[in-house]
N, C-alpha and C. Protein backbone atom coordinates (compact mmCIF):
# COMPACT_ATOMS: atom_id res chain seq x y z
N MET A 1 1.11 -1.24 -0.35
CA MET A 1 -0.04 -0.20 0.11
C MET A 1 0.68 1.41 0.04
N GLN A 2 0.79 2.13 -0.95
CA GLN A 2 1.46 3.60 -1.02
C GLN A 2 0.81 4.61 -0.29
N ASP A 3 1.76 5.33 0.70
CA ASP A 3 1.25 6.50 1.53
C ASP A 3 0.75 7.26 0.66
N ILE A 4 -0.05 8.06 1.09
CA ILE A 4 -0.99 9.28 -0.08
C ILE A 4 -0.23 10.52 -0.60
N ASP A 5 1.00 10.57 0.98
CA ASP A 5 1.81 11.57 0.35
C ASP A 5 2.67 11.49 -0.40
N GLU A 6 3.17 9.74 -0.32
CA GLU A 6 4.26 9.55 -1.67
C GLU A 6 3.73 9.61 -2.83
N HIS A 7 2.29 9.35 -2.79
CA HIS A 7 1.20 9.24 -4.05
C HIS A 7 1.15 10.72 -5.12
N MET A 8 1.03 11.85 -3.66
CA MET A 8 1.04 12.93 -4.44
C MET A 8 1.97 13.98 -4.98
N GLN A 9 3.58 12.86 -4.55
CA GLN A 9 4.72 13.58 -4.86
C GLN A 9 4.65 13.06 -6.74
N LEU A 10 4.10 12.33 -7.17
CA LEU A 10 4.01 11.92 -8.55
C LEU A 10 3.44 13.15 -9.43
N SER A 11 3.71 12.82 -10.60
CA SER A 11 3.06 14.50 -11.46
C SER A 11 1.58 14.03 -11.44
N GLN A 12 0.94 15.09 -11.94
CA GLN A 12 -0.44 14.92 -12.15
C GLN A 12 -0.91 13.74 -13.49
N VAL A 13 0.10 13.80 -14.29
CA VAL A 13 -0.09 12.63 -15.54
C VAL A 13 0.33 11.54 -15.03
N GLU A 14 0.86 11.41 -13.84
CA GLU A 14 1.46 9.77 -13.54
C GLU A 14 0.30 9.23 -12.80
N ARG A 15 -0.08 10.69 -11.94
CA ARG A 15 -1.26 10.41 -10.88
C ARG A 15 -2.78 9.88 -11.64
N GLN A 16 -2.89 10.43 -13.17
CA GLN A 16 -4.11 10.16 -13.67
C GLN A 16 -3.65 8.49 -15.00
N SER A 17 -2.68 8.24 -14.71
CA SER A 17 -2.52 7.43 -15.55
C SER A 17 -3.73 6.21 -15.86
N HIS A 18 -4.25 5.67 -14.21
CA HIS A 18 -5.32 5.01 -14.60
C HIS A 18 -6.69 5.75 -15.07
N LEU A 19 -6.86 6.32 -15.54
CA LEU A 19 -8.48 7.20 -15.80
C LEU A 19 -8.39 6.08 -17.10
N ALA A 20 -9.51 6.18 -17.12
CA ALA A 20 -10.60 5.42 -19.15
C ALA A 20 -11.61 6.18 -18.90
N LEU A 21 -11.72 7.49 -19.53
CA LEU A 21 -12.66 8.51 -19.73
C LEU A 21 -13.62 7.93 -21.18
N ASP A 22 -13.73 7.01 -21.72
CA ASP A 22 -14.47 6.20 -22.58
C ASP A 22 -15.39 5.36 -22.19
N GLU A 23 -15.10 5.03 -20.41
CA GLU A 23 -16.34 4.51 -19.99
C GLU A 23 -17.42 5.07 -19.28
N ASP A 24 -18.40 4.41 -19.12
CA ASP A 24 -19.48 5.27 -18.77
C ASP A 24 -19.46 5.80 -17.19
N CYS A 25 -20.00 7.05 -16.87
CA CYS A 25 -20.05 7.18 -15.52
C CYS A 25 -21.00 6.20 -14.54
N VAL A 26 -20.65 5.63 -13.54
CA VAL A 26 -21.49 4.95 -12.71
C VAL A 26 -22.03 6.03 -11.48
N GLU A 27 -23.31 6.07 -11.61
CA GLU A 27 -24.29 7.05 -10.73
C GLU A 27 -24.49 6.74 -9.35
N ARG A 28 -23.86 6.47 -8.29
CA ARG A 28 -24.72 5.55 -7.51
C ARG A 28 -24.77 6.83 -6.08
N GLY A 29 -24.90 7.93 -6.39
CA GLY A 29 -25.17 8.95 -5.22
C GLY A 29 -24.58 9.44 -4.47
N GLY A 30 -24.85 10.01 -3.26
CA GLY A 30 -23.95 10.41 -2.76
C GLY A 30 -22.82 11.37 -2.82
N LYS A 31 -21.93 11.61 -1.94
CA LYS A 31 -20.44 12.83 -1.95
C LYS A 31 -19.45 12.34 -2.51
N SER A 32 -18.79 13.26 -3.33
CA SER A 32 -17.36 12.60 -3.17
C SER A 32 -16.71 12.32 -2.01
N PHE A 33 -17.19 12.66 -0.91
CA PHE A 33 -16.10 12.39 0.19
C PHE A 33 -16.60 10.80 0.45
N TYR A 34 -17.54 10.33 -0.02
CA TYR A 34 -18.17 8.45 0.22
C TYR A 34 -16.84 7.88 -0.92
N PHE A 35 -16.76 8.33 -1.81
CA PHE A 35 -15.86 7.60 -2.90
C PHE A 35 -14.56 7.95 -2.92
N ARG A 36 -14.37 8.57 -1.52
CA ARG A 36 -12.50 8.38 -1.04
C ARG A 36 -12.16 6.94 -1.00
N GLY A 37 -12.97 6.29 0.08
CA GLY A 37 -12.43 5.20 0.35
C GLY A 37 -12.50 4.15 -1.15
N LEU A 38 -13.65 4.24 -1.63
CA LEU A 38 -13.42 3.41 -3.30
C LEU A 38 -12.34 3.81 -3.99
N LEU A 39 -11.75 5.14 -4.26
CA LEU A 39 -10.67 5.25 -4.48
C LEU A 39 -9.32 4.84 -4.14
N ALA A 40 -9.55 5.02 -2.80
CA ALA A 40 -7.69 4.41 -1.98
C ALA A 40 -7.78 3.27 -2.19
N TYR A 41 -8.58 2.24 -2.21
CA TYR A 41 -8.56 0.65 -2.40
C TYR A 41 -8.78 0.49 -3.47
N TYR A 42 -9.15 1.12 -4.80
CA TYR A 42 -8.51 0.55 -6.36
C TYR A 42 -7.02 1.38 -6.47
N LEU A 43 -6.73 2.46 -6.08
CA LEU A 43 -5.12 2.67 -6.44
C LEU A 43 -4.02 2.53 -4.99
N ASP A 44 -4.68 1.22 -4.14
CA ASP A 44 -3.94 0.62 -3.44
C ASP A 44 -3.32 2.35 -2.53
N THR A 45 -3.94 3.01 -2.25
CA THR A 45 -3.27 4.45 -1.30
C THR A 45 -4.20 4.38 -0.05
N THR A 46 -3.37 5.16 0.59
CA THR A 46 -3.83 5.47 2.03
C THR A 46 -4.79 6.39 2.19
N LEU A 47 -5.59 6.62 2.84
CA LEU A 47 -6.68 7.71 2.80
C LEU A 47 -6.63 8.63 3.32
N PRO A 48 -6.81 10.31 2.44
CA PRO A 48 -5.77 11.14 2.66
C PRO A 48 -6.74 11.47 3.93
N SER A 49 -6.34 12.61 4.72
CA SER A 49 -6.91 13.35 5.84
C SER A 49 -6.83 14.73 5.39
N GLY A 50 -7.53 15.83 6.12
CA GLY A 50 -7.69 17.13 5.74
C GLY A 50 -8.13 17.31 4.71
N LYS A 51 -7.66 18.55 4.26
CA LYS A 51 -8.01 19.17 3.05
C LYS A 51 -7.07 19.59 2.02
N ARG A 52 -6.05 18.90 2.13
CA ARG A 52 -4.57 19.04 1.21
C ARG A 52 -4.67 17.99 -0.15
N VAL A 53 -5.27 17.09 0.20
CA VAL A 53 -6.00 16.18 -0.71
C VAL A 53 -7.10 16.12 -1.25
N HIS A 54 -7.62 16.50 -2.25
CA HIS A 54 -9.01 16.27 -2.89
C HIS A 54 -9.31 15.17 -4.25
N LEU A 55 -10.43 14.93 -3.85
CA LEU A 55 -11.06 13.38 -5.09
C LEU A 55 -11.56 14.32 -5.87
N CYS A 56 -10.91 14.05 -7.45
CA CYS A 56 -11.25 14.73 -8.45
C CYS A 56 -11.91 14.04 -9.14
N HIS A 57 -12.92 14.61 -10.08
CA HIS A 57 -13.65 13.91 -11.12
C HIS A 57 -13.44 14.61 -12.40
N ALA A 58 -12.86 13.36 -12.89
CA ALA A 58 -11.65 13.88 -14.79
C ALA A 58 -12.71 13.72 -15.61
N CYS A 59 -14.43 12.81 -15.31
CA CYS A 59 -15.12 13.27 -15.94
C CYS A 59 -16.30 14.39 -15.91
N HIS A 60 -16.09 15.42 -14.72
CA HIS A 60 -16.36 15.99 -14.58
C HIS A 60 -18.38 16.34 -13.82
N ASN A 61 -18.34 14.98 -13.88
CA ASN A 61 -19.49 14.50 -12.69
C ASN A 61 -19.40 14.31 -11.33
N PRO A 62 -20.38 15.01 -10.51
CA PRO A 62 -19.56 14.61 -9.45
C PRO A 62 -20.48 13.60 -8.49
N ARG A 63 -21.25 13.47 -9.47
CA ARG A 63 -22.02 12.00 -8.93
C ARG A 63 -21.68 10.66 -9.26
N CYS A 64 -20.58 10.62 -9.79
CA CYS A 64 -19.82 9.58 -10.81
C CYS A 64 -19.21 8.59 -9.93
N SER A 65 -19.14 7.82 -9.43
CA SER A 65 -18.15 7.20 -8.42
C SER A 65 -17.56 5.89 -9.10
N ASN A 66 -17.29 5.91 -10.36
CA ASN A 66 -16.67 4.84 -11.22
C ASN A 66 -15.12 5.71 -10.99
N PRO A 67 -14.12 4.43 -10.19
CA PRO A 67 -12.77 4.69 -9.95
C PRO A 67 -11.99 4.84 -11.13
N ARG A 68 -12.14 4.48 -12.23
CA ARG A 68 -11.55 4.91 -13.03
C ARG A 68 -11.94 6.22 -13.83
N HIS A 69 -12.69 7.48 -13.58
CA HIS A 69 -12.44 8.43 -13.89
C HIS A 69 -12.41 9.24 -12.37
N LEU A 70 -11.67 8.80 -11.46
CA LEU A 70 -11.59 9.53 -10.03
C LEU A 70 -9.86 9.71 -9.97
N TYR A 71 -9.67 10.69 -9.48
CA TYR A 71 -8.23 10.73 -9.17
C TYR A 71 -7.92 12.10 -8.15
N TRP A 72 -6.90 11.52 -7.29
CA TRP A 72 -6.67 12.19 -6.17
C TRP A 72 -5.30 13.50 -6.89
N GLY A 73 -5.65 14.46 -6.24
CA GLY A 73 -5.41 16.00 -6.71
C GLY A 73 -5.24 17.24 -5.57
N THR A 74 -4.65 18.08 -6.33
CA THR A 74 -4.18 19.01 -5.44
C THR A 74 -5.93 20.06 -5.47
N PRO A 75 -6.22 20.77 -4.47
CA PRO A 75 -7.28 21.89 -4.16
C PRO A 75 -6.72 22.55 -5.45
N LYS A 76 -5.53 23.45 -5.94
CA LYS A 76 -5.26 23.66 -7.41
C LYS A 76 -5.55 23.39 -8.50
N GLU A 77 -5.41 21.71 -8.42
CA GLU A 77 -5.57 21.31 -9.85
C GLU A 77 -7.03 21.10 -9.56
N ASN A 78 -7.84 20.85 -8.84
CA ASN A 78 -9.39 20.70 -8.90
C ASN A 78 -9.88 21.79 -9.17
N CYS A 79 -9.66 22.95 -8.71
CA CYS A 79 -10.29 24.09 -9.23
C CYS A 79 -10.15 24.41 -10.41
N GLN A 80 -8.80 24.49 -11.05
CA GLN A 80 -8.26 24.80 -12.46
C GLN A 80 -9.11 23.58 -12.94
N ASP A 81 -9.28 22.42 -12.73
CA ASP A 81 -10.18 21.52 -13.79
C ASP A 81 -11.43 22.00 -13.89
N ARG A 82 -11.97 22.47 -13.00
CA ARG A 82 -13.47 23.15 -12.86
C ARG A 82 -13.38 24.62 -13.72
N ILE A 83 -12.46 25.22 -13.58
CA ILE A 83 -12.32 26.32 -14.63
C ILE A 83 -12.27 26.17 -16.03
N ASP A 84 -11.08 25.13 -16.12
CA ASP A 84 -11.49 24.48 -17.77
C ASP A 84 -12.49 23.99 -18.26
N TYR A 85 -13.43 23.32 -17.06
CA TYR A 85 -14.61 22.74 -18.00
C TYR A 85 -15.79 23.50 -17.89
N HIS A 86 -15.93 24.42 -16.83
CA HIS A 86 -16.87 25.21 -17.11
C HIS A 86 -16.82 26.39 -17.26
N GLY A 87 -15.49 26.91 -17.45
CA GLY A 87 -15.51 28.55 -17.99
C GLY A 87 -15.03 29.61 -17.38
N GLY A 88 -15.02 28.38 -16.06
CA GLY A 88 -15.03 29.65 -14.64
C GLY A 88 -16.23 29.54 -13.69
N GLU A 89 -16.03 30.26 -12.57
CA GLU A 89 -16.74 29.94 -11.50
C GLU A 89 -18.41 30.22 -11.98
N MET A 90 -19.00 29.22 -11.48
CA MET A 90 -20.49 29.60 -12.02
C MET A 90 -21.72 29.99 -11.30
N ASN A 91 -22.07 30.93 -11.33
CA ASN A 91 -23.09 31.15 -10.20
C ASN A 91 -23.99 30.39 -10.16
N VAL A 92 -25.46 30.51 -9.21
CA VAL A 92 -26.77 29.73 -8.82
C VAL A 92 -27.41 29.52 -9.65
N TRP A 93 -27.62 30.49 -10.68
CA TRP A 93 -28.34 30.00 -12.03
C TRP A 93 -28.19 29.45 -12.92
N GLU A 94 -26.27 29.50 -13.09
CA GLU A 94 -26.22 28.50 -13.97
C GLU A 94 -25.76 27.35 -13.63
N ARG A 95 -25.19 26.72 -12.07
CA ARG A 95 -25.45 25.49 -11.69
C ARG A 95 -26.98 25.18 -11.81
N MET A 96 -27.83 25.65 -11.67
CA MET A 96 -29.38 25.13 -11.85
C MET A 96 -29.57 24.62 -12.73
N VAL A 97 -29.19 25.46 -14.25
CA VAL A 97 -29.02 25.31 -15.34
C VAL A 97 -28.36 24.19 -16.21
N ALA A 98 -27.28 23.68 -15.60
CA ALA A 98 -26.30 22.62 -15.53
C ALA A 98 -26.68 21.53 -15.24
N LYS A 99 -27.37 22.02 -14.13
CA LYS A 99 -27.89 20.48 -13.13
C LYS A 99 -29.14 19.93 -13.77
N TYR A 100 -30.56 20.83 -13.92
CA TYR A 100 -31.63 20.49 -14.59
C TYR A 100 -31.87 20.71 -15.83
N GLY A 101 -31.36 21.73 -16.49
CA GLY A 101 -31.32 22.20 -18.08
C GLY A 101 -32.64 23.33 -17.85
N LEU A 102 -32.47 24.03 -18.88
CA LEU A 102 -33.03 25.56 -18.94
C LEU A 102 -34.72 25.62 -18.47
N GLU A 103 -35.52 24.79 -18.65
CA GLU A 103 -36.48 24.74 -18.78
C GLU A 103 -37.12 24.27 -17.81
N GLN A 104 -36.49 23.55 -17.19
CA GLN A 104 -36.57 22.82 -15.10
C GLN A 104 -36.33 23.81 -14.76
N ALA A 105 -35.11 24.27 -14.68
CA ALA A 105 -34.38 26.04 -14.15
C ALA A 105 -35.71 27.00 -14.12
N ARG A 106 -36.28 27.46 -15.05
CA ARG A 106 -37.23 28.15 -15.25
C ARG A 106 -38.64 27.86 -14.17
N LEU A 107 -38.80 26.72 -14.47
CA LEU A 107 -39.73 26.49 -13.70
C LEU A 107 -39.54 26.66 -12.22
N MET A 108 -38.33 26.17 -11.55
CA MET A 108 -38.20 25.97 -10.15
C MET A 108 -37.95 27.48 -9.65
N GLN A 109 -37.55 28.00 -10.42
CA GLN A 109 -37.40 29.70 -9.86
C GLN A 109 -38.94 30.26 -10.35
N ALA A 110 -39.39 30.04 -10.94
CA ALA A 110 -40.77 30.34 -11.07
C ALA A 110 -41.70 30.35 -9.48
N LYS A 111 -41.24 28.87 -9.15
CA LYS A 111 -42.10 28.57 -8.22
C LYS A 111 -41.67 29.44 -6.83
N LYS A 112 -39.82 29.18 -6.66
CA LYS A 112 -39.69 30.03 -5.51
C LYS A 112 -39.67 31.45 -5.67
N THR A 113 -40.18 32.02 -6.45
CA THR A 113 -40.42 33.31 -6.65
C THR A 113 -41.91 33.37 -6.11
N SER A 114 -42.74 33.22 -6.68
CA SER A 114 -43.98 32.77 -6.44
C SER A 114 -44.59 32.55 -4.97
N LYS A 115 -43.65 31.38 -4.27
CA LYS A 115 -43.69 30.87 -3.02
C LYS A 115 -43.20 32.59 -1.88
N ARG A 116 -41.86 33.22 -2.34
CA ARG A 116 -41.55 34.28 -1.72
C ARG A 116 -42.55 35.51 -1.71
N ASP A 117 -43.33 35.89 -3.19
CA ASP A 117 -44.17 36.87 -3.18
C ASP A 117 -45.29 36.99 -1.99
N SER A 118 -45.38 35.48 -2.14
CA SER A 118 -46.73 35.42 -1.61
C SER A 118 -46.67 35.55 -0.29
N ARG A 119 -45.34 35.05 0.36
CA ARG A 119 -45.05 34.90 1.87
C ARG A 119 -44.92 36.80 2.18
N TRP A 120 -44.74 37.45 1.36
CA TRP A 120 -44.29 38.84 1.79
C TRP A 120 -45.59 39.67 1.70
N ARG A 121 -46.54 39.17 0.33
CA ARG A 121 -48.05 39.80 0.61
C ARG A 121 -48.84 39.52 1.77
N GLY A 122 -48.63 38.80 2.54
CA GLY A 122 -49.43 37.52 3.02
C GLY A 122 -50.66 36.96 2.93
N GLU A 123 -50.31 36.43 1.50
CA GLU A 123 -51.46 35.46 1.00
C GLU A 123 -51.74 34.21 1.62
N ARG A 124 -49.92 33.65 1.95
CA ARG A 124 -50.19 32.62 2.54
C ARG A 124 -49.50 32.46 3.75
N ARG A 125 -50.16 32.07 5.20
CA ARG A 125 -49.97 31.92 6.00
C ARG A 125 -49.98 30.16 6.83
N PRO A 126 -48.91 29.89 7.65
CA PRO A 126 -48.93 28.72 7.95
C PRO A 126 -49.63 28.17 8.95
N SER A 127 -50.43 27.56 8.90
CA SER A 127 -51.80 26.98 9.96
C SER A 127 -51.52 26.97 11.23
N GLY A 128 -52.58 27.55 11.90
CA GLY A 128 -52.67 28.11 13.01
C GLY A 128 -51.70 29.59 13.23
N VAL A 129 -51.48 30.31 12.38
CA VAL A 129 -50.93 31.34 12.49
C VAL A 129 -52.15 32.43 12.01
N VAL A 130 -52.44 33.32 13.06
CA VAL A 130 -53.67 34.35 12.79
C VAL A 130 -53.09 35.57 12.52
N ALA A 131 -53.45 36.17 11.21
CA ALA A 131 -52.47 37.48 11.24
C ALA A 131 -53.66 38.37 12.17
N ASN A 132 -53.05 39.94 12.50
CA ASN A 132 -53.83 40.91 12.89
C ASN A 132 -54.33 40.37 14.14
N ILE A 133 -53.97 40.07 14.78
CA ILE A 133 -54.21 39.58 16.19
C ILE A 133 -54.80 40.82 16.95
N GLY A 134 -56.07 40.74 17.37
CA GLY A 134 -56.62 41.85 18.56
C GLY A 134 -56.90 42.86 17.47
N GLY A 135 -56.60 43.08 16.78
CA GLY A 135 -57.21 44.34 16.01
C GLY A 135 -56.30 45.26 15.58
N SER A 136 -54.63 44.97 15.87
CA SER A 136 -54.25 45.97 15.79
C SER A 136 -53.82 46.48 14.26
N GLN A 137 -53.38 47.59 14.22
CA GLN A 137 -53.26 48.03 12.75
C GLN A 137 -51.65 47.78 12.47
N PRO A 138 -51.43 47.37 11.09
CA PRO A 138 -50.36 47.04 10.43
C PRO A 138 -49.12 48.13 11.02
N SER A 139 -47.83 47.67 11.21
CA SER A 139 -46.86 48.70 11.42
C SER A 139 -46.62 50.08 10.14
N ALA A 140 -45.77 50.45 10.43
CA ALA A 140 -45.67 51.38 9.35
C ALA A 140 -44.53 50.96 8.22
N GLU A 141 -43.45 50.20 8.87
CA GLU A 141 -42.80 49.57 8.77
C GLU A 141 -42.99 47.99 7.43
N SER A 142 -44.06 47.61 7.47
CA SER A 142 -44.69 46.60 6.95
C SER A 142 -45.77 47.32 5.74
N SER A 143 -46.02 48.20 5.71
CA SER A 143 -47.09 49.03 4.95
C SER A 143 -46.41 49.61 4.21
N ILE A 144 -44.95 50.33 4.46
CA ILE A 144 -43.98 50.57 3.14
C ILE A 144 -43.56 49.33 2.49
N LEU A 145 -42.74 48.15 3.34
CA LEU A 145 -42.24 47.40 2.91
C LEU A 145 -43.11 46.45 1.95
N SER A 146 -44.62 46.58 2.01
CA SER A 146 -45.57 46.20 1.13
C SER A 146 -45.62 46.82 -0.11
N TRP A 147 -45.51 48.38 0.23
CA TRP A 147 -45.82 49.19 -1.20
C TRP A 147 -44.80 48.82 -2.05
N ALA A 148 -43.55 49.19 -1.49
CA ALA A 148 -42.15 48.85 -2.57
C ALA A 148 -42.13 47.54 -3.04
N ILE A 149 -42.57 46.30 -2.46
CA ILE A 149 -42.56 45.04 -3.24
C ILE A 149 -43.85 45.28 -4.46
N ASP A 150 -44.79 46.06 -4.43
CA ASP A 150 -45.90 45.87 -5.14
C ASP A 150 -45.19 46.90 -6.26
N LYS A 151 -44.28 47.63 -6.23
CA LYS A 151 -44.07 48.35 -7.38
C LYS A 151 -43.10 48.08 -8.40
């Protein structure tokens, strides 16, 4: 069994020599953290501890657990790989579109926006919550807030 520190002394090309990206991804779910043991077993290395060694996905599929698509890398290599593949950092909307597709992302965003708007306008209240208890008038802040949202 090779120590992970010795393995990380190899060049990136040598650490990626086992990759076979012509094979299909194997999506078993879970997070990359759970695939660390699988890769350590496959490459016959010790498990890395801390954040100095990352489990990198050469296939760019974070759910893939095919050990021939995974390799040990540095944080810098992992970040550079993401930038090269995605063309830079992605914002929340871009991640939603990449994950769910444009139409599904639009539907999800519309649903999220309508929930937020109805909550602010007081149209939907959780069960058991009574508005305007005791006949008190709404505060000036809530009146101004509802006016600003409607505009």
